[in-house]
């Protein structure tokens, strides 16, 4: 065996949660404009995790989670408003 052969490095644990899957789901199912912001910050967390910048990853993770919650709330409010308008207009009456 030669001295230059290196052992494979173990996979590093992510520093902060990215919320990418949840952001993508909220973007598709709830409200696109706000969800895109959540996706953006999720991608920033992913990049900071890859580069080992723990402070940036933690900060962006918090912001991504806040935008994710905002996306879900806005989406639920819009769906509720649409349901109320349709009910007032008689769309659900028999």
Protein backbone atom coordinates (compact mmCIF):
# COMPACT_ATOMS: atom_id res chain seq x y z
CA UNK A 1 0.00 0.00 0.00
CA UNK A 2 1.19 3.45 -0.76
CA UNK A 3 1.31 6.35 1.63
CA UNK A 4 -0.65 8.61 -0.75
CA UNK A 5 -3.86 6.59 -0.60
CA UNK A 6 -6.33 8.29 1.70
CA UNK A 7 -9.20 6.77 3.58
CA UNK A 8 -12.65 8.01 2.56
CA UNK A 9 -13.91 10.80 4.75
CA UNK A 10 -17.15 10.16 6.66
CA UNK A 11 -20.15 12.17 5.52
CA UNK A 12 -20.59 15.34 7.52
CA UNK A 13 -23.79 15.92 9.42
CA UNK A 14 -25.72 18.98 8.14
CA UNK A 15 -25.25 21.99 10.39
CA UNK A 16 -28.79 23.36 10.07
CA UNK A 17 -32.12 22.15 8.67
CA UNK A 18 -32.81 23.30 5.13
CA UNK A 19 -36.63 22.93 5.06
CA UNK A 20 -36.31 22.41 1.29
CA UNK A 21 -38.87 19.62 0.98
CA UNK A 22 -41.42 21.46 3.13
CA UNK A 23 -40.74 24.71 1.27
CA UNK A 24 -41.26 23.01 -2.07
CA UNK A 25 -44.51 21.42 -0.90
CA UNK A 26 -45.78 24.71 0.53
CA UNK A 27 -44.82 26.54 -2.66
CA UNK A 28 -46.74 24.10 -4.84
CA UNK A 29 -49.74 23.63 -2.56
CA UNK A 30 -50.17 26.96 -0.81
CA UNK A 31 -48.90 30.22 -2.29
CA UNK A 32 -46.22 30.49 -4.96
CA UNK A 33 -44.74 33.99 -4.41
CA UNK A 34 -44.08 33.60 -0.69
CA UNK A 35 -43.05 29.98 -1.15
CA UNK A 36 -40.32 30.94 -3.59
CA UNK A 37 -38.73 33.09 -0.87
CA UNK A 38 -38.81 30.10 1.50
CA UNK A 39 -37.18 27.97 -1.19
CA UNK A 40 -34.48 30.59 -1.73
CA UNK A 41 -33.52 30.64 1.93
CA UNK A 42 -33.63 26.84 2.06
CA UNK A 43 -31.13 26.74 -0.78
CA UNK A 44 -28.95 29.26 1.08
CA UNK A 45 -28.95 26.94 4.10
CA UNK A 46 -27.98 24.04 1.86
CA UNK A 47 -25.08 26.00 0.39
CA UNK A 48 -23.87 27.24 3.78
CA UNK A 49 -24.03 23.67 5.14
CA UNK A 50 -21.92 22.45 2.23
CA UNK A 51 -19.33 25.18 2.81
CA UNK A 52 -19.24 24.66 6.58
CA UNK A 53 -20.50 28.14 7.49
CA UNK A 54 -22.50 27.25 10.57
CA UNK A 55 -23.60 30.77 11.58
CA UNK A 56 -24.91 31.60 8.11
CA UNK A 57 -26.62 28.22 7.87
CA UNK A 58 -28.34 28.65 11.24
CA UNK A 59 -29.47 32.19 10.42
CA UNK A 60 -30.81 31.24 7.00
CA UNK A 61 -32.52 28.19 8.49
CA UNK A 62 -34.49 30.38 10.88
CA UNK A 63 -35.49 32.72 8.06
CA UNK A 64 -36.47 29.79 5.82
CA UNK A 65 -38.68 28.36 8.58
CA UNK A 66 -40.38 31.75 9.06
CA UNK A 67 -41.10 32.10 5.35
CA UNK A 68 -42.33 28.50 5.26
CA UNK A 69 -44.84 29.22 8.03
CA UNK A 70 -45.87 32.44 6.28
CA UNK A 71 -46.44 30.51 3.04
CA UNK A 72 -48.66 27.99 4.78
CA UNK A 73 -50.67 30.67 6.60
CA UNK A 74 -51.19 32.78 3.48
CA UNK A 75 -52.18 29.71 1.48
CA UNK A 76 -54.74 28.57 4.05
CA UNK A 77 -56.18 32.09 4.27
CA UNK A 78 -56.50 32.33 0.48
CA UNK A 79 -58.18 28.92 0.23
CA UNK A 80 -60.58 29.88 3.04
CA UNK A 81 -61.39 33.18 1.36
CA UNK A 82 -62.09 31.45 -1.96
CA UNK A 83 -64.34 28.91 -0.21
CA UNK A 84 -66.27 31.70 1.55
CA UNK A 85 -66.73 33.66 -1.69
CA UNK A 86 -67.91 30.54 -3.51
CA UNK A 87 -70.33 29.75 -0.68
CA UNK A 88 -71.74 33.29 -0.74
CA UNK A 89 -72.17 33.09 -4.50
CA UNK A 90 -74.11 29.84 -4.12
CA UNK A 91 -71.61 27.44 -5.68
CA UNK A 92 -72.28 24.80 -3.03
CA UNK A 93 -76.07 25.01 -2.91
CA UNK A 94 -78.18 22.23 -4.36
